[in-house]
Amino acid sequence: MSDVVLINPFEVEAGAEEAAIAYWERAAAHMRAQPGFVSTALHRAIGPGARFPLVNLATWRSPAAFEAAVTSPAFRALTQGDAARFPHHPGLYTVIRT
């Protein structure tokens, strides 16, 4: 199986972007140490008024590796509180055309 891509858009209230980025940085640091993690990059919307001002793209070796990482007690403890403060909508995808 090919790698999978996580596309995870974040809802961020006005004035809370720096806190959302700090949350992402904590989570990303944890994920980088997990089996099956390949890479991640946080993207910021260019124009004002975007529904999702921040979007995370990450690559994982498999859906199972990603699921193991996000369901671990350590990850849940790390993201507790901030996950609700910054609603996000993760989904795993495979490339079907280039």
C-alpha atoms as a PDB file:
ATOM      1  CA  MET A   1       0.000   0.000   0.000  1.00  0.00           C
ATOM      2  CA  SER A   2       1.166   3.542  -0.734  1.00  0.00           C
ATOM      3  CA  ASP A   3       1.543   6.206   1.893  1.00  0.00           C
ATOM      4  CA  VAL A   4      -1.626   8.012   2.957  1.00  0.00           C
ATOM      5  CA  VAL A   5      -2.101  11.757   3.264  1.00  0.00           C
ATOM      6  CA  LEU A   6      -3.822  13.352   6.219  1.00  0.00           C
ATOM      7  CA  ILE A   7      -5.676  16.538   5.306  1.00  0.00           C
ATOM      8  CA  ASN A   8      -6.758  18.271   8.498  1.00  0.00           C
ATOM      9  CA  PRO A   9      -8.361  21.732   8.276  1.00  0.00           C
ATOM     10  CA  PHE A  10      -8.676  23.758  11.487  1.00  0.00           C
ATOM     11  CA  GLU A  11     -11.329  26.254  12.492  1.00  0.00           C
ATOM     12  CA  VAL A  12      -9.653  29.136  14.320  1.00  0.00           C
ATOM     13  CA  GLU A  13     -11.410  32.124  15.831  1.00  0.00           C
ATOM     14  CA  ALA A  14     -10.038  35.586  15.111  1.00  0.00           C
ATOM     15  CA  GLY A  15      -7.148  36.395  17.409  1.00  0.00           C
ATOM     16  CA  ALA A  16      -6.425  32.754  18.283  1.00  0.00           C
ATOM     17  CA  GLU A  17      -4.100  31.849  15.413  1.00  0.00           C
ATOM     18  CA  GLU A  18      -0.878  31.878  17.449  1.00  0.00           C
ATOM     19  CA  ALA A  19      -2.433  29.583  20.068  1.00  0.00           C
ATOM     20  CA  ALA A  20      -3.635  27.246  17.306  1.00  0.00           C
ATOM     21  CA  ILE A  21      -0.148  27.166  15.775  1.00  0.00           C
ATOM     22  CA  ALA A  22       1.368  26.383  19.182  1.00  0.00           C
ATOM     23  CA  TYR A  23      -1.155  23.532  19.566  1.00  0.00           C
ATOM     24  CA  TRP A  24      -0.188  22.186  16.127  1.00  0.00           C
ATOM     25  CA  GLU A  25       3.524  22.441  16.973  1.00  0.00           C
ATOM     26  CA  ARG A  26       3.063  20.377  20.162  1.00  0.00           C
ATOM     27  CA  ALA A  27       1.066  17.747  18.318  1.00  0.00           C
ATOM     28  CA  ALA A  28       3.489  17.691  15.372  1.00  0.00           C
ATOM     29  CA  ALA A  29       6.492  17.210  17.651  1.00  0.00           C
ATOM     30  CA  HIS A  30       4.767  14.204  19.220  1.00  0.00           C
ATOM     31  CA  MET A  31       3.736  12.760  15.855  1.00  0.00           C
ATOM     32  CA  ARG A  32       7.242  13.024  14.412  1.00  0.00           C
ATOM     33  CA  ALA A  33       8.355  10.401  16.949  1.00  0.00           C
ATOM     34  CA  GLN A  34       5.572   7.925  16.083  1.00  0.00           C
ATOM     35  CA  PRO A  35       6.059   4.797  13.955  1.00  0.00           C
ATOM     36  CA  GLY A  36       4.829   5.313  10.409  1.00  0.00           C
ATOM     37  CA  PHE A  37       5.089   9.108  10.430  1.00  0.00           C
ATOM     38  CA  VAL A  38       6.685  10.547   7.271  1.00  0.00           C
ATOM     39  CA  SER A  39       6.191  14.329   7.186  1.00  0.00           C
ATOM     40  CA  THR A  40       3.906  17.219   8.031  1.00  0.00           C
ATOM     41  CA  ALA A  41       3.391  20.832   6.990  1.00  0.00           C
ATOM     42  CA  LEU A  42       1.013  23.470   8.309  1.00  0.00           C
ATOM     43  CA  HIS A  43      -0.531  25.800   5.724  1.00  0.00           C
ATOM     44  CA  ARG A  44      -2.080  29.236   6.339  1.00  0.00           C
ATOM     45  CA  ALA A  45      -4.876  30.627   4.162  1.00  0.00           C
ATOM     46  CA  ILE A  46      -3.794  33.619   2.108  1.00  0.00           C
ATOM     47  CA  GLY A  47      -7.094  35.463   1.953  1.00  0.00           C
ATOM     48  CA  PRO A  48      -9.178  36.739   4.846  1.00  0.00           C
ATOM     49  CA  GLY A  49     -12.373  34.991   5.802  1.00  0.00           C
ATOM     50  CA  ALA A  50     -11.310  31.440   4.965  1.00  0.00           C
ATOM     51  CA  ARG A  51     -13.435  28.876   6.777  1.00  0.00           C
ATOM     52  CA  PHE A  52     -10.250  26.979   7.604  1.00  0.00           C
ATOM     53  CA  PRO A  53      -7.412  29.450   8.188  1.00  0.00           C
ATOM     54  CA  LEU A  54      -4.966  26.631   8.972  1.00  0.00           C
ATOM     55  CA  VAL A  55      -4.679  23.289   7.179  1.00  0.00           C
ATOM     56  CA  ASN A  56      -2.304  20.507   8.136  1.00  0.00           C
ATOM     57  CA  LEU A  57      -1.053  18.082   5.495  1.00  0.00           C
ATOM     58  CA  ALA A  58       0.820  15.047   6.778  1.00  0.00           C
ATOM     59  CA  THR A  59       2.023  11.825   5.228  1.00  0.00           C
ATOM     60  CA  TRP A  60       1.831   8.489   7.008  1.00  0.00           C
ATOM     61  CA  ARG A  61       2.944   5.017   5.953  1.00  0.00           C
ATOM     62  CA  SER A  62      -0.517   3.567   6.609  1.00  0.00           C
ATOM     63  CA  PRO A  63      -3.930   4.330   8.068  1.00  0.00           C
ATOM     64  CA  ALA A  64      -3.123   1.933  10.925  1.00  0.00           C
ATOM     65  CA  ALA A  65       0.001   3.914  11.843  1.00  0.00           C
ATOM     66  CA  PHE A  66      -1.984   7.157  11.926  1.00  0.00           C
ATOM     67  CA  GLU A  67      -4.810   5.607  13.961  1.00  0.00           C
ATOM     68  CA  ALA A  68      -2.355   4.177  16.486  1.00  0.00           C
ATOM     69  CA  ALA A  69      -0.744   7.592  16.898  1.00  0.00           C
ATOM     70  CA  VAL A  70      -3.955   9.558  17.433  1.00  0.00           C
ATOM     71  CA  THR A  71      -5.588   7.036  19.744  1.00  0.00           C
ATOM     72  CA  SER A  72      -2.592   6.674  22.048  1.00  0.00           C
ATOM     73  CA  PRO A  73      -3.104   7.857  25.628  1.00  0.00           C
ATOM     74  CA  ALA A  74      -0.069  10.139  25.297  1.00  0.00           C
ATOM     75  CA  PHE A  75      -1.525  11.944  22.279  1.00  0.00           C
ATOM     76  CA  ARG A  76      -4.957  12.274  23.896  1.00  0.00           C
ATOM     77  CA  ALA A  77      -3.388  13.779  27.025  1.00  0.00           C
ATOM     78  CA  LEU A  78      -1.274  16.165  24.930  1.00  0.00           C
ATOM     79  CA  THR A  79      -4.210  17.487  22.922  1.00  0.00           C
ATOM     80  CA  GLN A  80      -6.875  17.516  25.636  1.00  0.00           C
ATOM     81  CA  GLY A  81      -8.654  20.871  25.718  1.00  0.00           C
ATOM     82  CA  ASP A  82      -7.023  22.327  22.621  1.00  0.00           C
ATOM     83  CA  ALA A  83      -8.704  19.775  20.351  1.00  0.00           C
ATOM     84  CA  ALA A  84     -12.086  21.184  21.369  1.00  0.00           C
ATOM     85  CA  ARG A  85     -10.875  24.787  21.257  1.00  0.00           C
ATOM     86  CA  PHE A  86      -9.730  24.380  17.646  1.00  0.00           C
ATOM     87  CA  PRO A  87     -12.258  22.158  15.852  1.00  0.00           C
ATOM     88  CA  HIS A  88     -10.569  20.182  13.125  1.00  0.00           C
ATOM     89  CA  HIS A  89     -11.735  17.760  10.489  1.00  0.00           C
ATOM     90  CA  PRO A  90      -9.097  15.115   9.762  1.00  0.00           C
ATOM     91  CA  GLY A  91      -9.379  12.734   6.857  1.00  0.00           C
ATOM     92  CA  LEU A  92      -6.986  10.266   5.265  1.00  0.00           C
ATOM     93  CA  TYR A  93      -6.594  10.265   1.484  1.00  0.00           C
ATOM     94  CA  THR A  94      -4.706   8.438  -1.229  1.00  0.00           C
ATOM     95  CA  VAL A  95      -3.484   9.995  -4.442  1.00  0.00           C
ATOM     96  CA  ILE A  96      -5.520   8.838  -7.437  1.00  0.00           C
ATOM     97  CA  ARG A  97      -4.232  11.248 -10.105  1.00  0.00           C
ATOM     98  CA  THR A  98      -1.157  13.406 -10.607  1.00  0.00           C
END
